[in-house]
């Protein structure tokens, strides 16, 4: 989603010892931004639970909503 802040460094921070925590936080933030943009109901607690329980599932949902516009 063309992030220009710290979100663009999340993978690097995990590589340097973040242990996946940065990816979890980044996915949670991205999930909230996608919800706002697409008008999807929910809240921060639901985003937190979804990414904590299954980060790969949350990433799959991200890819379904953030794709190439036709």
Protein backbone atom coordinates (compact mmCIF):
# COMPACT_ATOMS: atom_id res chain seq x y z
CA UNK A 1 0.00 0.00 0.00
CA UNK A 2 2.98 2.26 -0.70
CA UNK A 3 4.05 2.72 2.92
CA UNK A 4 6.87 5.21 3.40
CA UNK A 5 7.46 5.04 7.16
CA UNK A 6 8.77 2.31 9.40
CA UNK A 7 6.33 -0.12 7.77
CA UNK A 8 8.67 -0.42 4.80
CA UNK A 9 11.44 -1.71 7.11
CA UNK A 10 9.46 -4.44 8.93
CA UNK A 11 11.05 -7.39 7.14
CA UNK A 12 14.53 -6.00 7.76
CA UNK A 13 13.80 -5.42 11.45
CA UNK A 14 12.62 -9.02 11.84
CA UNK A 15 15.78 -10.21 10.07
CA UNK A 16 17.91 -8.23 12.53
CA UNK A 17 16.37 -9.93 15.55
CA UNK A 18 12.74 -8.88 15.74
CA UNK A 19 11.69 -12.53 15.94
CA UNK A 20 8.52 -11.97 13.94
CA UNK A 21 7.17 -9.39 16.36
CA UNK A 22 7.60 -6.59 13.82
CA UNK A 23 5.76 -8.64 11.19
CA UNK A 24 2.90 -9.24 13.61
CA UNK A 25 2.59 -5.54 14.43
CA UNK A 26 2.90 -4.52 10.78
CA UNK A 27 0.23 -7.01 9.71
CA UNK A 28 -2.10 -5.73 12.42
CA UNK A 29 -1.63 -2.11 11.29
CA UNK A 30 -2.06 -3.05 7.63
CA UNK A 31 -5.21 -5.00 8.43
CA UNK A 32 -6.69 -1.90 10.10
CA UNK A 33 -5.83 0.28 7.10
CA UNK A 34 -7.44 -2.20 4.70
CA UNK A 35 -10.58 -2.29 6.87
CA UNK A 36 -10.81 1.50 6.81
CA UNK A 37 -10.22 1.76 3.07
CA UNK A 38 -12.71 -0.97 2.12
CA UNK A 39 -15.33 -0.15 4.78
CA UNK A 40 -15.06 -3.55 6.50
CA UNK A 41 -16.55 -3.84 9.98
CA UNK A 42 -14.31 -4.77 12.89
CA UNK A 43 -11.85 -3.29 15.33
CA UNK A 44 -8.29 -3.30 16.55
CA UNK A 45 -8.89 -6.19 18.95
CA UNK A 46 -10.16 -8.41 16.14
CA UNK A 47 -7.17 -7.44 14.01
CA UNK A 48 -4.84 -8.29 16.87
CA UNK A 49 -6.44 -11.69 17.47
CA UNK A 50 -6.49 -12.61 13.79
CA UNK A 51 -2.84 -11.79 13.23
CA UNK A 52 -1.70 -13.37 16.51
CA UNK A 53 -3.56 -16.64 15.90
CA UNK A 54 -2.59 -17.07 12.25
CA UNK A 55 -0.25 -14.58 10.58
CA UNK A 56 -0.18 -16.55 7.28
CA UNK A 57 -4.01 -16.47 7.13
CA UNK A 58 -4.01 -12.71 7.76
CA UNK A 59 -1.40 -12.26 5.02
CA UNK A 60 -3.58 -14.24 2.61
CA UNK A 61 -6.53 -11.97 3.42
CA UNK A 62 -4.29 -8.93 2.80
CA UNK A 63 -3.36 -10.22 -0.62
CA UNK A 64 -7.02 -10.72 -1.49
CA UNK A 65 -7.80 -7.08 -0.69
CA UNK A 66 -4.59 -5.41 -1.86
CA UNK A 67 -4.11 -6.51 -5.42
CA UNK A 68 -3.56 -5.17 -8.85
CA UNK A 69 -6.38 -2.87 -9.89
CA UNK A 70 -7.92 -3.85 -13.17
